[in-house]
């Protein structure tokens, strides 16, 4: 189940990740998760919401073809293109939106 504040966390992380890119349009994989944590702190959500958001992000990364998303989110030695990192965040946002719509459709009164 996705946390209620996952979409705002991911959207804020998406905006701040763009600012972290170097001149070559790259960032460290660990900076993706740093942005998610910072977004959670800025929004005042609990740490469990951030951890659940991380899980949703990792599933989205796996769906996009990342072989080791947990390792990538902890990596501060190898850079990834910011476009790839943004694609992961957008995919997680899209998955949350479609899951939220599906859960509304299937609720019984």
C-alpha atoms as a PDB file:
ATOM      1  CA  UNK A   1       0.000   0.000   0.000  1.00  0.00           C
ATOM      2  CA  UNK A   2       1.366   3.405  -0.942  1.00  0.00           C
ATOM      3  CA  UNK A   3       1.516   6.088   1.744  1.00  0.00           C
ATOM      4  CA  UNK A   4      -0.946   8.944   1.455  1.00  0.00           C
ATOM      5  CA  UNK A   5       1.802  11.557   1.153  1.00  0.00           C
ATOM      6  CA  UNK A   6       3.925   9.623  -1.318  1.00  0.00           C
ATOM      7  CA  UNK A   7       3.028  11.743  -4.340  1.00  0.00           C
ATOM      8  CA  UNK A   8       3.960  15.090  -2.693  1.00  0.00           C
ATOM      9  CA  UNK A   9       7.197  13.550  -1.396  1.00  0.00           C
ATOM     10  CA  UNK A  10       8.171  12.269  -4.843  1.00  0.00           C
ATOM     11  CA  UNK A  11       7.167  15.490  -6.601  1.00  0.00           C
ATOM     12  CA  UNK A  12       9.246  17.590  -4.197  1.00  0.00           C
ATOM     13  CA  UNK A  13      12.170  15.164  -4.585  1.00  0.00           C
ATOM     14  CA  UNK A  14      11.860  15.423  -8.370  1.00  0.00           C
ATOM     15  CA  UNK A  15      12.164  19.208  -8.229  1.00  0.00           C
ATOM     16  CA  UNK A  16      15.153  19.211  -5.891  1.00  0.00           C
ATOM     17  CA  UNK A  17      16.990  16.465  -7.810  1.00  0.00           C
ATOM     18  CA  UNK A  18      17.151  18.669 -10.897  1.00  0.00           C
ATOM     19  CA  UNK A  19      19.229  21.178  -8.929  1.00  0.00           C
ATOM     20  CA  UNK A  20      21.779  18.547  -7.898  1.00  0.00           C
ATOM     21  CA  UNK A  21      22.955  17.720 -11.407  1.00  0.00           C
ATOM     22  CA  UNK A  22      26.535  18.493 -12.333  1.00  0.00           C
ATOM     23  CA  UNK A  23      27.549  20.174 -15.588  1.00  0.00           C
ATOM     24  CA  UNK A  24      27.337  16.833 -17.399  1.00  0.00           C
ATOM     25  CA  UNK A  25      23.729  16.251 -16.292  1.00  0.00           C
ATOM     26  CA  UNK A  26      24.619  13.532 -13.792  1.00  0.00           C
ATOM     27  CA  UNK A  27      24.048  12.908 -10.105  1.00  0.00           C
ATOM     28  CA  UNK A  28      24.993  10.190  -7.639  1.00  0.00           C
ATOM     29  CA  UNK A  29      22.414   7.475  -7.132  1.00  0.00           C
ATOM     30  CA  UNK A  30      22.462   8.181  -3.409  1.00  0.00           C
ATOM     31  CA  UNK A  31      21.337  11.723  -4.089  1.00  0.00           C
ATOM     32  CA  UNK A  32      17.987  10.377  -5.315  1.00  0.00           C
ATOM     33  CA  UNK A  33      17.232   8.972  -1.882  1.00  0.00           C
ATOM     34  CA  UNK A  34      18.679  12.078  -0.209  1.00  0.00           C
ATOM     35  CA  UNK A  35      16.128  14.158  -2.108  1.00  0.00           C
ATOM     36  CA  UNK A  36      13.324  11.836  -1.007  1.00  0.00           C
ATOM     37  CA  UNK A  37      14.430  12.115   2.641  1.00  0.00           C
ATOM     38  CA  UNK A  38      14.758  15.894   2.442  1.00  0.00           C
ATOM     39  CA  UNK A  39      11.325  16.170   0.817  1.00  0.00           C
ATOM     40  CA  UNK A  40       9.824  14.100   3.616  1.00  0.00           C
ATOM     41  CA  UNK A  41      11.450  16.300   6.245  1.00  0.00           C
ATOM     42  CA  UNK A  42      10.295  19.472   4.464  1.00  0.00           C
ATOM     43  CA  UNK A  43       6.730  18.158   4.329  1.00  0.00           C
ATOM     44  CA  UNK A  44       6.866  17.084   7.977  1.00  0.00           C
ATOM     45  CA  UNK A  45       5.957  13.447   7.361  1.00  0.00           C
ATOM     46  CA  UNK A  46       6.969  10.560   9.568  1.00  0.00           C
ATOM     47  CA  UNK A  47      10.023   8.503   8.772  1.00  0.00           C
ATOM     48  CA  UNK A  48       7.854   5.458   8.060  1.00  0.00           C
ATOM     49  CA  UNK A  49       6.172   7.372   5.214  1.00  0.00           C
ATOM     50  CA  UNK A  50       9.615   8.061   3.744  1.00  0.00           C
ATOM     51  CA  UNK A  51      10.601   4.390   4.048  1.00  0.00           C
ATOM     52  CA  UNK A  52       7.369   3.297   2.350  1.00  0.00           C
ATOM     53  CA  UNK A  53       7.975   5.863  -0.392  1.00  0.00           C
ATOM     54  CA  UNK A  54      11.479   4.430  -0.860  1.00  0.00           C
ATOM     55  CA  UNK A  55       9.924   0.985  -1.393  1.00  0.00           C
ATOM     56  CA  UNK A  56       7.549   2.313  -4.027  1.00  0.00           C
ATOM     57  CA  UNK A  57      10.447   4.092  -5.732  1.00  0.00           C
ATOM     58  CA  UNK A  58      12.495   0.878  -5.759  1.00  0.00           C
ATOM     59  CA  UNK A  59       9.623  -1.044  -7.364  1.00  0.00           C
ATOM     60  CA  UNK A  60       9.319   1.647 -10.021  1.00  0.00           C
ATOM     61  CA  UNK A  61      13.074   1.446 -10.639  1.00  0.00           C
ATOM     62  CA  UNK A  62      12.846  -2.322 -11.061  1.00  0.00           C
ATOM     63  CA  UNK A  63       9.989  -1.855 -13.529  1.00  0.00           C
ATOM     64  CA  UNK A  64      12.212   0.535 -15.515  1.00  0.00           C
ATOM     65  CA  UNK A  65      14.971  -2.082 -15.697  1.00  0.00           C
ATOM     66  CA  UNK A  66      17.320  -1.128 -12.843  1.00  0.00           C
ATOM     67  CA  UNK A  67      19.169  -4.277 -11.778  1.00  0.00           C
ATOM     68  CA  UNK A  68      19.974  -3.236  -8.193  1.00  0.00           C
ATOM     69  CA  UNK A  69      17.788  -0.307  -7.140  1.00  0.00           C
ATOM     70  CA  UNK A  70      18.674  -0.614  -3.446  1.00  0.00           C
ATOM     71  CA  UNK A  71      22.365  -0.510  -4.291  1.00  0.00           C
ATOM     72  CA  UNK A  72      21.893   2.411  -6.666  1.00  0.00           C
ATOM     73  CA  UNK A  73      20.075   4.440  -3.995  1.00  0.00           C
ATOM     74  CA  UNK A  74      23.073   3.993  -1.671  1.00  0.00           C
ATOM     75  CA  UNK A  75      25.797   4.646  -4.251  1.00  0.00           C
ATOM     76  CA  UNK A  76      27.862   7.818  -3.878  1.00  0.00           C
ATOM     77  CA  UNK A  77      30.693   6.693  -6.152  1.00  0.00           C
ATOM     78  CA  UNK A  78      29.042   6.207  -9.530  1.00  0.00           C
ATOM     79  CA  UNK A  79      27.002   8.836 -11.296  1.00  0.00           C
ATOM     80  CA  UNK A  80      23.770   8.262 -13.177  1.00  0.00           C
ATOM     81  CA  UNK A  81      22.193  10.564 -15.746  1.00  0.00           C
ATOM     82  CA  UNK A  82      19.683  12.893 -14.126  1.00  0.00           C
ATOM     83  CA  UNK A  83      17.249  12.032 -16.911  1.00  0.00           C
ATOM     84  CA  UNK A  84      17.322   8.418 -15.720  1.00  0.00           C
ATOM     85  CA  UNK A  85      16.831   9.426 -12.079  1.00  0.00           C
ATOM     86  CA  UNK A  86      13.927  11.702 -13.025  1.00  0.00           C
ATOM     87  CA  UNK A  87      12.393   8.905 -15.082  1.00  0.00           C
ATOM     88  CA  UNK A  88      12.427   6.659 -11.979  1.00  0.00           C
ATOM     89  CA  UNK A  89      10.736   9.335  -9.875  1.00  0.00           C
ATOM     90  CA  UNK A  90       8.128  10.056 -12.564  1.00  0.00           C
ATOM     91  CA  UNK A  91       7.393   6.348 -12.917  1.00  0.00           C
ATOM     92  CA  UNK A  92       6.864   6.065  -9.146  1.00  0.00           C
ATOM     93  CA  UNK A  93       4.505   9.058  -9.228  1.00  0.00           C
ATOM     94  CA  UNK A  94       2.584   7.577 -12.146  1.00  0.00           C
ATOM     95  CA  UNK A  95       2.310   4.184 -10.443  1.00  0.00           C
ATOM     96  CA  UNK A  96       0.986   5.832  -7.281  1.00  0.00           C
ATOM     97  CA  UNK A  97      -1.569   7.813  -9.278  1.00  0.00           C
ATOM     98  CA  UNK A  98      -2.848   4.747 -11.124  1.00  0.00           C
ATOM     99  CA  UNK A  99      -2.918   2.670  -7.906  1.00  0.00           C
ATOM    100  CA  UNK A 100      -4.853   5.381  -6.082  1.00  0.00           C
ATOM    101  CA  UNK A 101      -7.374   5.594  -8.940  1.00  0.00           C
ATOM    102  CA  UNK A 102      -7.769   1.806  -8.998  1.00  0.00           C
ATOM    103  CA  UNK A 103      -8.318   1.637  -5.242  1.00  0.00           C
ATOM    104  CA  UNK A 104     -11.044   4.284  -5.483  1.00  0.00           C
ATOM    105  CA  UNK A 105     -12.780   2.367  -8.271  1.00  0.00           C
ATOM    106  CA  UNK A 106     -12.884  -0.894  -6.317  1.00  0.00           C
ATOM    107  CA  UNK A 107     -14.029   0.426  -2.932  1.00  0.00           C
ATOM    108  CA  UNK A 108     -17.348  -0.935  -1.809  1.00  0.00           C
ATOM    109  CA  UNK A 109     -19.814   1.289   0.025  1.00  0.00           C
END
